[in-house]
N, C-alpha and C. Protein backbone atom coordinates (compact mmCIF):
# COMPACT_ATOMS: atom_id res chain seq x y z
N MET A 1 102.52 94.57 -53.78
CA MET A 1 101.95 95.23 -52.64
C MET A 1 102.97 96.14 -52.06
N GLY A 2 102.54 97.28 -51.78
CA GLY A 2 103.42 98.26 -51.17
C GLY A 2 103.36 98.17 -49.66
N SER A 3 104.20 98.89 -49.04
CA SER A 3 104.19 98.87 -47.56
C SER A 3 102.98 99.66 -47.07
N GLU A 4 102.36 99.04 -46.07
CA GLU A 4 101.19 99.70 -45.48
C GLU A 4 101.59 100.30 -44.15
N SER A 5 101.15 101.46 -43.91
CA SER A 5 101.46 102.08 -42.62
C SER A 5 100.24 101.97 -41.72
N ALA A 6 100.51 101.82 -40.45
CA ALA A 6 99.41 101.72 -39.49
C ALA A 6 98.70 103.05 -39.45
N PRO A 7 97.41 102.95 -39.31
CA PRO A 7 96.67 104.21 -39.27
C PRO A 7 97.08 104.99 -38.02
N GLY A 8 97.37 106.20 -38.14
CA GLY A 8 97.79 107.04 -37.02
C GLY A 8 96.63 107.84 -36.51
N LEU A 9 96.82 108.38 -35.36
CA LEU A 9 95.79 109.23 -34.78
C LEU A 9 95.98 110.64 -35.29
N SER A 10 94.90 111.21 -35.60
CA SER A 10 94.98 112.60 -36.03
C SER A 10 95.21 113.46 -34.79
N ARG A 11 95.54 114.68 -35.07
CA ARG A 11 95.77 115.60 -33.95
C ARG A 11 94.51 115.70 -33.08
N ARG A 12 93.39 115.72 -33.71
CA ARG A 12 92.12 115.81 -32.99
C ARG A 12 91.90 114.54 -32.14
N GLY A 13 92.24 113.38 -32.69
CA GLY A 13 92.11 112.11 -31.97
C GLY A 13 93.02 112.06 -30.76
N MET A 14 94.25 112.56 -30.94
CA MET A 14 95.20 112.56 -29.83
C MET A 14 94.74 113.50 -28.72
N LEU A 15 94.19 114.64 -29.07
CA LEU A 15 93.67 115.58 -28.08
C LEU A 15 92.48 114.97 -27.35
N SER A 16 91.67 114.27 -28.10
CA SER A 16 90.50 113.62 -27.51
C SER A 16 90.93 112.53 -26.53
N LEU A 17 91.92 111.72 -26.90
CA LEU A 17 92.44 110.67 -26.04
C LEU A 17 93.07 111.27 -24.78
N ALA A 18 93.82 112.35 -24.93
CA ALA A 18 94.43 113.02 -23.78
C ALA A 18 93.35 113.57 -22.85
N GLY A 19 92.31 114.12 -23.40
CA GLY A 19 91.21 114.67 -22.59
C GLY A 19 90.51 113.58 -21.79
N VAL A 20 90.25 112.44 -22.42
CA VAL A 20 89.61 111.33 -21.74
C VAL A 20 90.54 110.78 -20.64
N SER A 21 91.82 110.72 -20.93
CA SER A 21 92.79 110.23 -19.94
C SER A 21 92.83 111.14 -18.72
N VAL A 22 92.88 112.45 -18.94
CA VAL A 22 92.91 113.41 -17.84
C VAL A 22 91.61 113.32 -17.03
N ALA A 23 90.48 113.22 -17.70
CA ALA A 23 89.19 113.12 -17.01
C ALA A 23 89.13 111.83 -16.20
N SER A 24 89.62 110.73 -16.73
CA SER A 24 89.64 109.45 -16.01
C SER A 24 90.53 109.53 -14.78
N LEU A 25 91.69 110.14 -14.93
CA LEU A 25 92.60 110.30 -13.80
C LEU A 25 91.97 111.16 -12.72
N ALA A 26 91.29 112.23 -13.12
CA ALA A 26 90.63 113.11 -12.15
C ALA A 26 89.53 112.35 -11.40
N LEU A 27 88.77 111.51 -12.11
CA LEU A 27 87.72 110.71 -11.46
C LEU A 27 88.31 109.69 -10.50
N LEU A 28 89.42 109.08 -10.89
CA LEU A 28 90.08 108.12 -10.00
C LEU A 28 90.59 108.81 -8.74
N LEU A 29 91.18 109.98 -8.89
CA LEU A 29 91.65 110.73 -7.72
C LEU A 29 90.49 111.13 -6.81
N LEU A 30 89.37 111.53 -7.39
CA LEU A 30 88.20 111.89 -6.61
C LEU A 30 87.67 110.66 -5.87
N LEU A 31 87.59 109.54 -6.54
CA LEU A 31 87.13 108.29 -5.92
C LEU A 31 88.06 107.89 -4.77
N PHE A 32 89.35 107.97 -5.00
CA PHE A 32 90.33 107.62 -3.96
C PHE A 32 90.16 108.52 -2.74
N SER A 33 90.02 109.83 -2.96
CA SER A 33 89.87 110.74 -1.82
C SER A 33 88.58 110.47 -1.06
N ARG A 34 87.51 110.12 -1.78
CA ARG A 34 86.24 109.77 -1.12
C ARG A 34 86.38 108.50 -0.29
N LEU A 35 87.10 107.52 -0.81
CA LEU A 35 87.31 106.27 -0.07
C LEU A 35 88.14 106.51 1.19
N VAL A 36 89.16 107.33 1.08
CA VAL A 36 89.99 107.66 2.24
C VAL A 36 89.14 108.38 3.29
N ALA A 37 88.33 109.33 2.86
CA ALA A 37 87.47 110.08 3.79
C ALA A 37 86.45 109.15 4.45
N ALA A 38 85.87 108.23 3.68
CA ALA A 38 84.90 107.29 4.25
C ALA A 38 85.56 106.37 5.25
N GLY A 39 86.75 105.89 4.95
CA GLY A 39 87.48 105.04 5.88
C GLY A 39 87.79 105.77 7.17
N HIS A 40 88.16 107.03 7.05
CA HIS A 40 88.46 107.84 8.23
C HIS A 40 87.19 108.03 9.08
N ALA A 41 86.06 108.28 8.43
CA ALA A 41 84.80 108.46 9.15
C ALA A 41 84.39 107.17 9.87
N VAL A 42 84.58 106.03 9.22
CA VAL A 42 84.24 104.75 9.85
C VAL A 42 85.13 104.51 11.06
N ASN A 43 86.41 104.80 10.95
CA ASN A 43 87.32 104.60 12.07
C ASN A 43 87.01 105.52 13.24
N GLN A 44 86.43 106.67 12.99
CA GLN A 44 86.12 107.61 14.05
C GLN A 44 84.78 107.31 14.71
N ALA A 45 83.91 106.56 14.04
CA ALA A 45 82.60 106.25 14.58
C ALA A 45 82.71 105.21 15.68
N PRO A 46 81.90 105.34 16.74
CA PRO A 46 81.94 104.31 17.78
C PRO A 46 81.50 102.97 17.20
N SER A 47 82.12 101.90 17.70
CA SER A 47 81.84 100.58 17.14
C SER A 47 80.55 100.00 17.69
N SER A 48 79.97 100.60 18.69
CA SER A 48 78.76 100.07 19.29
C SER A 48 77.96 101.20 19.92
N PRO A 49 76.63 101.13 19.80
CA PRO A 49 75.81 102.15 20.47
C PRO A 49 75.86 102.02 21.99
N LEU A 50 76.42 100.93 22.50
CA LEU A 50 76.52 100.73 23.95
C LEU A 50 77.61 101.60 24.59
N ILE A 51 78.59 101.97 23.78
CA ILE A 51 79.74 102.70 24.33
C ILE A 51 79.29 104.02 24.95
N GLY A 52 79.74 104.21 26.20
CA GLY A 52 79.38 105.42 26.93
C GLY A 52 78.09 105.28 27.74
N HIS A 53 77.45 104.11 27.67
CA HIS A 53 76.19 103.89 28.38
C HIS A 53 76.35 102.78 29.42
N PRO A 54 75.44 102.74 30.40
CA PRO A 54 75.50 101.67 31.40
C PRO A 54 75.40 100.29 30.73
N ALA A 55 76.20 99.36 31.23
CA ALA A 55 76.20 98.01 30.69
C ALA A 55 74.90 97.31 31.05
N PRO A 56 74.26 96.66 30.08
CA PRO A 56 73.04 95.90 30.41
C PRO A 56 73.36 94.79 31.40
N ASP A 57 72.49 94.63 32.38
CA ASP A 57 72.70 93.64 33.42
C ASP A 57 72.45 92.24 32.88
N PHE A 58 73.11 91.26 33.48
CA PHE A 58 72.92 89.85 33.13
C PHE A 58 73.34 88.99 34.30
N THR A 59 72.93 87.74 34.25
CA THR A 59 73.36 86.73 35.21
C THR A 59 73.74 85.50 34.43
N ILE A 60 74.91 84.93 34.71
CA ILE A 60 75.29 83.66 34.08
C ILE A 60 75.29 82.56 35.13
N VAL A 61 75.10 81.35 34.66
CA VAL A 61 75.24 80.15 35.47
C VAL A 61 76.51 79.48 34.96
N THR A 62 77.52 79.37 35.83
CA THR A 62 78.84 78.91 35.38
C THR A 62 78.86 77.42 35.03
N TRP A 63 79.67 77.12 34.02
CA TRP A 63 79.90 75.74 33.58
C TRP A 63 81.28 75.27 34.03
N ASN A 64 82.06 76.13 34.63
CA ASN A 64 83.42 75.78 35.09
C ASN A 64 83.56 76.21 36.54
N GLY A 65 84.72 75.95 37.14
CA GLY A 65 84.94 76.35 38.53
C GLY A 65 83.89 75.72 39.43
N ASP A 66 83.17 76.56 40.15
CA ASP A 66 82.04 76.08 40.95
C ASP A 66 80.83 75.99 40.04
N ALA A 67 80.72 74.87 39.32
CA ALA A 67 79.64 74.69 38.34
C ALA A 67 78.29 74.99 38.99
N GLY A 68 77.48 75.75 38.28
CA GLY A 68 76.16 76.11 38.79
C GLY A 68 76.14 77.41 39.58
N GLN A 69 77.32 77.98 39.85
CA GLN A 69 77.40 79.26 40.55
C GLN A 69 76.79 80.34 39.67
N ARG A 70 76.16 81.33 40.29
CA ARG A 70 75.58 82.44 39.53
C ARG A 70 76.50 83.66 39.68
N VAL A 71 76.76 84.30 38.56
CA VAL A 71 77.53 85.54 38.55
C VAL A 71 76.63 86.61 37.96
N HIS A 72 76.38 87.64 38.76
CA HIS A 72 75.46 88.71 38.38
C HIS A 72 76.27 89.98 38.14
N LEU A 73 76.13 90.59 36.96
CA LEU A 73 76.92 91.78 36.63
C LEU A 73 76.74 92.88 37.67
N ALA A 74 75.53 93.08 38.15
CA ALA A 74 75.27 94.15 39.12
C ALA A 74 76.10 93.96 40.39
N ASP A 75 76.44 92.73 40.73
CA ASP A 75 77.26 92.46 41.92
C ASP A 75 78.73 92.82 41.71
N LEU A 76 79.11 93.12 40.49
CA LEU A 76 80.51 93.41 40.17
C LEU A 76 80.81 94.90 40.13
N LYS A 77 79.84 95.74 40.51
CA LYS A 77 80.06 97.19 40.54
C LYS A 77 81.30 97.49 41.36
N GLY A 78 82.10 98.42 40.90
CA GLY A 78 83.34 98.76 41.58
C GLY A 78 84.53 98.02 41.00
N LYS A 79 84.27 97.07 40.10
CA LYS A 79 85.34 96.35 39.42
C LYS A 79 85.23 96.59 37.92
N ALA A 80 86.35 96.63 37.27
CA ALA A 80 86.34 96.63 35.80
C ALA A 80 85.95 95.22 35.37
N VAL A 81 85.19 95.12 34.28
CA VAL A 81 84.70 93.82 33.83
C VAL A 81 84.98 93.65 32.35
N VAL A 82 85.51 92.48 32.00
CA VAL A 82 85.73 92.10 30.62
C VAL A 82 84.74 90.96 30.34
N VAL A 83 83.80 91.21 29.45
CA VAL A 83 82.78 90.21 29.11
C VAL A 83 83.09 89.67 27.72
N ASN A 84 83.28 88.36 27.64
CA ASN A 84 83.60 87.73 26.36
C ASN A 84 82.47 86.79 25.95
N PHE A 85 81.93 87.02 24.76
CA PHE A 85 80.94 86.12 24.18
C PHE A 85 81.70 85.11 23.33
N TRP A 86 81.47 83.82 23.56
CA TRP A 86 82.24 82.76 22.92
C TRP A 86 81.31 81.57 22.62
N ALA A 87 81.85 80.60 21.90
CA ALA A 87 81.14 79.35 21.63
C ALA A 87 82.15 78.24 21.40
N SER A 88 81.79 77.03 21.79
CA SER A 88 82.70 75.89 21.64
C SER A 88 82.95 75.56 20.17
N TRP A 89 82.03 75.89 19.30
CA TRP A 89 82.14 75.58 17.87
C TRP A 89 82.88 76.67 17.08
N CYS A 90 83.35 77.69 17.77
CA CYS A 90 83.98 78.86 17.13
C CYS A 90 85.50 78.71 17.13
N ALA A 91 86.10 78.60 15.94
CA ALA A 91 87.56 78.45 15.82
C ALA A 91 88.30 79.65 16.40
N ASP A 92 87.84 80.85 16.12
CA ASP A 92 88.50 82.05 16.66
C ASP A 92 88.42 82.08 18.19
N CYS A 93 87.33 81.54 18.75
CA CYS A 93 87.19 81.50 20.21
C CYS A 93 88.26 80.59 20.83
N SER A 94 88.58 79.51 20.14
CA SER A 94 89.63 78.61 20.61
C SER A 94 90.97 79.33 20.65
N ASP A 95 91.26 80.08 19.60
CA ASP A 95 92.51 80.84 19.55
C ASP A 95 92.56 81.91 20.65
N GLU A 96 91.42 82.52 20.91
CA GLU A 96 91.34 83.63 21.85
C GLU A 96 91.33 83.17 23.31
N ALA A 97 90.88 81.94 23.58
CA ALA A 97 90.73 81.46 24.96
C ALA A 97 92.04 81.56 25.74
N ARG A 98 93.15 81.22 25.13
CA ARG A 98 94.47 81.30 25.77
C ARG A 98 94.80 82.74 26.16
N VAL A 99 94.49 83.68 25.28
CA VAL A 99 94.77 85.09 25.52
C VAL A 99 93.94 85.61 26.70
N LEU A 100 92.66 85.26 26.73
CA LEU A 100 91.78 85.71 27.81
C LEU A 100 92.19 85.10 29.15
N GLN A 101 92.51 83.82 29.15
CA GLN A 101 92.93 83.16 30.39
C GLN A 101 94.21 83.79 30.94
N ALA A 102 95.17 84.06 30.07
CA ALA A 102 96.42 84.69 30.51
C ALA A 102 96.15 86.08 31.09
N ALA A 103 95.26 86.84 30.47
CA ALA A 103 94.93 88.17 30.96
C ALA A 103 94.20 88.08 32.30
N TRP A 104 93.32 87.11 32.45
CA TRP A 104 92.62 86.93 33.72
C TRP A 104 93.64 86.65 34.83
N GLN A 105 94.59 85.77 34.56
CA GLN A 105 95.61 85.46 35.56
C GLN A 105 96.43 86.70 35.92
N LYS A 106 96.67 87.53 34.94
CA LYS A 106 97.48 88.73 35.16
C LYS A 106 96.71 89.81 35.93
N TYR A 107 95.41 89.97 35.66
CA TYR A 107 94.67 91.12 36.18
C TYR A 107 93.63 90.83 37.26
N HIS A 108 93.29 89.58 37.53
CA HIS A 108 92.18 89.38 38.46
C HIS A 108 92.50 89.89 39.87
N ALA A 109 93.75 89.96 40.24
CA ALA A 109 94.12 90.52 41.55
C ALA A 109 93.98 92.05 41.56
N ASP A 110 93.89 92.68 40.38
CA ASP A 110 93.76 94.14 40.27
C ASP A 110 92.30 94.59 40.17
N ARG A 111 91.39 93.76 40.68
CA ARG A 111 89.96 94.08 40.66
C ARG A 111 89.40 94.17 39.24
N VAL A 112 89.92 93.31 38.38
CA VAL A 112 89.35 93.18 37.04
C VAL A 112 88.70 91.81 36.97
N MET A 113 87.42 91.79 36.64
CA MET A 113 86.67 90.54 36.57
C MET A 113 86.50 90.16 35.10
N PHE A 114 86.71 88.91 34.80
CA PHE A 114 86.47 88.37 33.47
C PHE A 114 85.26 87.46 33.56
N VAL A 115 84.36 87.58 32.58
CA VAL A 115 83.16 86.75 32.54
C VAL A 115 82.97 86.28 31.10
N GLY A 116 82.79 84.97 30.94
CA GLY A 116 82.53 84.42 29.62
C GLY A 116 81.06 84.05 29.49
N ILE A 117 80.45 84.44 28.38
CA ILE A 117 79.05 84.11 28.13
C ILE A 117 78.98 83.24 26.87
N ALA A 118 78.51 82.02 27.06
CA ALA A 118 78.36 81.09 25.94
C ALA A 118 77.26 81.58 25.01
N TYR A 119 77.53 81.52 23.72
CA TYR A 119 76.62 82.02 22.70
C TYR A 119 76.13 80.83 21.86
N ASN A 120 74.83 80.57 21.90
CA ASN A 120 74.23 79.48 21.12
C ASN A 120 75.03 78.19 21.26
N ASP A 121 75.22 77.76 22.49
CA ASP A 121 76.04 76.58 22.75
C ASP A 121 75.33 75.65 23.71
N GLN A 122 75.77 74.41 23.75
CA GLN A 122 75.25 73.41 24.66
C GLN A 122 76.21 73.25 25.83
N GLN A 123 75.69 72.95 27.01
CA GLN A 123 76.52 72.87 28.20
C GLN A 123 77.62 71.82 28.08
N ALA A 124 77.32 70.64 27.57
CA ALA A 124 78.34 69.58 27.48
C ALA A 124 79.51 70.03 26.60
N ALA A 125 79.21 70.57 25.43
CA ALA A 125 80.26 71.03 24.52
C ALA A 125 81.00 72.22 25.12
N GLY A 126 80.26 73.13 25.76
CA GLY A 126 80.88 74.30 26.37
C GLY A 126 81.79 73.94 27.53
N THR A 127 81.37 73.00 28.36
CA THR A 127 82.18 72.56 29.49
C THR A 127 83.47 71.92 28.99
N THR A 128 83.36 71.09 27.97
CA THR A 128 84.55 70.47 27.38
C THR A 128 85.50 71.53 26.85
N PHE A 129 84.97 72.51 26.14
CA PHE A 129 85.77 73.62 25.60
C PHE A 129 86.53 74.33 26.74
N LEU A 130 85.82 74.67 27.81
CA LEU A 130 86.43 75.39 28.94
C LEU A 130 87.54 74.56 29.58
N GLN A 131 87.32 73.26 29.71
CA GLN A 131 88.34 72.38 30.28
C GLN A 131 89.55 72.27 29.36
N GLN A 132 89.31 72.10 28.05
CA GLN A 132 90.41 71.96 27.09
C GLN A 132 91.30 73.18 27.06
N HIS A 133 90.71 74.35 27.26
CA HIS A 133 91.47 75.60 27.16
C HIS A 133 91.88 76.15 28.53
N GLY A 134 91.58 75.42 29.59
CA GLY A 134 92.00 75.83 30.93
C GLY A 134 91.38 77.13 31.40
N VAL A 135 90.16 77.43 30.95
CA VAL A 135 89.51 78.69 31.32
C VAL A 135 89.07 78.61 32.79
N GLN A 136 89.59 79.52 33.61
CA GLN A 136 89.30 79.52 35.04
C GLN A 136 88.36 80.64 35.46
N TYR A 137 88.25 81.71 34.67
CA TYR A 137 87.34 82.78 35.05
C TYR A 137 85.90 82.29 34.82
N PRO A 138 84.92 82.83 35.55
CA PRO A 138 83.55 82.34 35.44
C PRO A 138 83.04 82.42 34.01
N SER A 139 82.51 81.30 33.56
CA SER A 139 82.04 81.24 32.18
C SER A 139 80.90 80.23 32.09
N GLY A 140 79.89 80.59 31.32
CA GLY A 140 78.76 79.69 31.16
C GLY A 140 77.61 80.37 30.44
N ALA A 141 76.43 79.83 30.65
CA ALA A 141 75.25 80.31 29.94
C ALA A 141 74.60 81.47 30.67
N GLU A 142 74.10 82.40 29.91
CA GLU A 142 73.37 83.54 30.46
C GLU A 142 71.99 83.04 30.87
N GLN A 143 71.57 83.38 32.07
CA GLN A 143 70.37 82.82 32.66
C GLN A 143 69.10 83.12 31.88
N ASN A 144 68.92 84.35 31.44
CA ASN A 144 67.69 84.72 30.74
C ASN A 144 67.80 84.64 29.22
N GLY A 145 69.00 84.45 28.73
CA GLY A 145 69.20 84.31 27.29
C GLY A 145 69.07 85.58 26.49
N THR A 146 69.14 86.75 27.12
CA THR A 146 68.98 88.01 26.39
C THR A 146 70.27 88.81 26.26
N ALA A 147 71.34 88.37 26.91
CA ALA A 147 72.58 89.17 26.92
C ALA A 147 73.11 89.41 25.51
N SER A 148 73.07 88.40 24.64
CA SER A 148 73.61 88.60 23.29
C SER A 148 72.81 89.66 22.53
N VAL A 149 71.52 89.75 22.80
CA VAL A 149 70.70 90.79 22.17
C VAL A 149 70.99 92.14 22.83
N ASP A 150 71.02 92.15 24.16
CA ASP A 150 71.28 93.40 24.89
C ASP A 150 72.63 94.01 24.54
N TYR A 151 73.62 93.16 24.24
CA TYR A 151 74.96 93.62 23.90
C TYR A 151 75.19 93.68 22.39
N ALA A 152 74.13 93.50 21.60
CA ALA A 152 74.18 93.60 20.14
C ALA A 152 75.27 92.71 19.54
N VAL A 153 75.32 91.47 20.02
CA VAL A 153 76.32 90.52 19.51
C VAL A 153 75.89 90.08 18.12
N THR A 154 76.81 90.22 17.18
CA THR A 154 76.52 89.83 15.80
C THR A 154 77.20 88.52 15.43
N GLY A 155 78.11 88.07 16.26
CA GLY A 155 78.83 86.82 16.03
C GLY A 155 79.90 86.69 17.10
N VAL A 156 80.46 85.51 17.20
CA VAL A 156 81.49 85.31 18.21
C VAL A 156 82.84 85.09 17.56
N PRO A 157 83.90 85.46 18.26
CA PRO A 157 83.90 86.08 19.59
C PRO A 157 83.70 87.60 19.52
N GLU A 158 83.15 88.11 20.60
CA GLU A 158 83.06 89.56 20.82
C GLU A 158 83.38 89.80 22.29
N THR A 159 84.06 90.90 22.55
CA THR A 159 84.47 91.21 23.92
C THR A 159 84.06 92.65 24.24
N VAL A 160 83.46 92.81 25.42
CA VAL A 160 82.98 94.12 25.88
C VAL A 160 83.76 94.51 27.13
N PHE A 161 84.19 95.77 27.17
CA PHE A 161 84.98 96.28 28.29
C PHE A 161 84.13 97.28 29.07
N ILE A 162 83.94 97.00 30.36
CA ILE A 162 83.08 97.80 31.23
C ILE A 162 83.92 98.36 32.37
N ASN A 163 83.83 99.66 32.60
CA ASN A 163 84.64 100.26 33.66
C ASN A 163 84.01 99.99 35.03
N ALA A 164 84.71 100.40 36.09
CA ALA A 164 84.26 100.12 37.46
C ALA A 164 82.96 100.83 37.81
N ARG A 165 82.57 101.83 37.04
CA ARG A 165 81.28 102.52 37.25
C ARG A 165 80.14 101.85 36.50
N GLY A 166 80.46 100.77 35.77
CA GLY A 166 79.42 100.03 35.05
C GLY A 166 79.11 100.58 33.67
N ILE A 167 80.02 101.39 33.12
CA ILE A 167 79.82 102.00 31.80
C ILE A 167 80.62 101.22 30.76
N VAL A 168 79.99 100.94 29.61
CA VAL A 168 80.68 100.26 28.51
C VAL A 168 81.67 101.25 27.90
N VAL A 169 82.94 100.86 27.89
CA VAL A 169 84.00 101.72 27.39
C VAL A 169 84.34 101.38 25.95
N SER A 170 84.36 100.09 25.62
CA SER A 170 84.66 99.68 24.24
C SER A 170 84.15 98.28 24.00
N LYS A 171 84.15 97.93 22.72
CA LYS A 171 83.70 96.59 22.30
C LYS A 171 84.60 96.14 21.17
N SER A 172 85.06 94.91 21.27
CA SER A 172 85.94 94.35 20.25
C SER A 172 85.20 93.26 19.50
N LEU A 173 85.16 93.37 18.18
CA LEU A 173 84.54 92.36 17.34
C LEU A 173 85.62 91.43 16.82
N GLY A 174 85.40 90.14 16.93
CA GLY A 174 86.40 89.17 16.51
C GLY A 174 87.36 88.86 17.64
N ALA A 175 88.28 87.97 17.36
CA ALA A 175 89.25 87.55 18.38
C ALA A 175 90.13 88.73 18.79
N VAL A 176 90.26 88.92 20.08
CA VAL A 176 91.09 90.00 20.59
C VAL A 176 92.51 89.48 20.79
N SER A 177 93.49 90.26 20.36
CA SER A 177 94.89 89.87 20.52
C SER A 177 95.35 90.19 21.93
N ASP A 178 96.45 89.58 22.35
CA ASP A 178 96.93 89.85 23.70
C ASP A 178 97.32 91.31 23.87
N GLY A 179 97.90 91.92 22.85
CA GLY A 179 98.26 93.34 22.95
C GLY A 179 97.05 94.25 23.07
N ALA A 180 96.03 94.00 22.25
CA ALA A 180 94.82 94.81 22.30
C ALA A 180 94.07 94.61 23.62
N LEU A 181 94.05 93.36 24.10
CA LEU A 181 93.39 93.07 25.36
C LEU A 181 94.11 93.76 26.52
N ASP A 182 95.42 93.68 26.52
CA ASP A 182 96.21 94.32 27.56
C ASP A 182 95.99 95.83 27.56
N GLN A 183 95.98 96.42 26.38
CA GLN A 183 95.77 97.86 26.26
C GLN A 183 94.37 98.25 26.77
N ALA A 184 93.36 97.47 26.42
CA ALA A 184 91.99 97.77 26.86
C ALA A 184 91.86 97.64 28.38
N VAL A 185 92.44 96.61 28.96
CA VAL A 185 92.36 96.42 30.41
C VAL A 185 93.13 97.52 31.13
N GLN A 186 94.29 97.90 30.62
CA GLN A 186 95.05 99.00 31.21
C GLN A 186 94.20 100.28 31.19
N GLY A 187 93.47 100.49 30.09
CA GLY A 187 92.58 101.65 30.01
C GLY A 187 91.48 101.60 31.06
N LEU A 188 90.93 100.42 31.30
CA LEU A 188 89.90 100.27 32.34
C LEU A 188 90.47 100.60 33.72
N LEU A 189 91.69 100.18 33.97
CA LEU A 189 92.31 100.41 35.28
C LEU A 189 92.62 101.89 35.51
N ARG A 190 92.80 102.66 34.45
CA ARG A 190 93.09 104.10 34.58
C ARG A 190 91.83 104.91 34.83
N GLN A 191 90.67 104.33 34.60
CA GLN A 191 89.43 105.11 34.75
C GLN A 191 88.94 105.14 36.17
């Protein structure tokens, strides 16, 4: 048996392979640029149709502080309001509770009101949650049960920032960090 050589590519085969490689690279670059453009468009789009519009009114019945007290959003006109949708069964809400409580302590003297709205929760579990996390700002069940729909809540936690004129300025999906919360509240105070 003589030595066998591996079959080589003909000149035509090599040109064909190079052409396919160049075309594949061009398609990958086009796909990448489209993905970057789509990401940029998503980041520029408002996160909620509520932004720039009057905040839907609601009334909660508190489960903490003066239990049974009613807090009506319309009565808070002239104050910036941070509305947090939470639930006792939500792990991210547990992590976020400390951040919200600290911000409430920092800003409530600056005419910033914090309101917590329980989402699909029971009073006993919610009250225990509020006590465990030391939540002092008014928090409890929404009286008519429509706030989560009116605010287009898709899951908890979600936080809505309302300026002193009653206009929704921004909405945060998921647990809000202390830095992001501080920045949003500072923005409310500048308006």
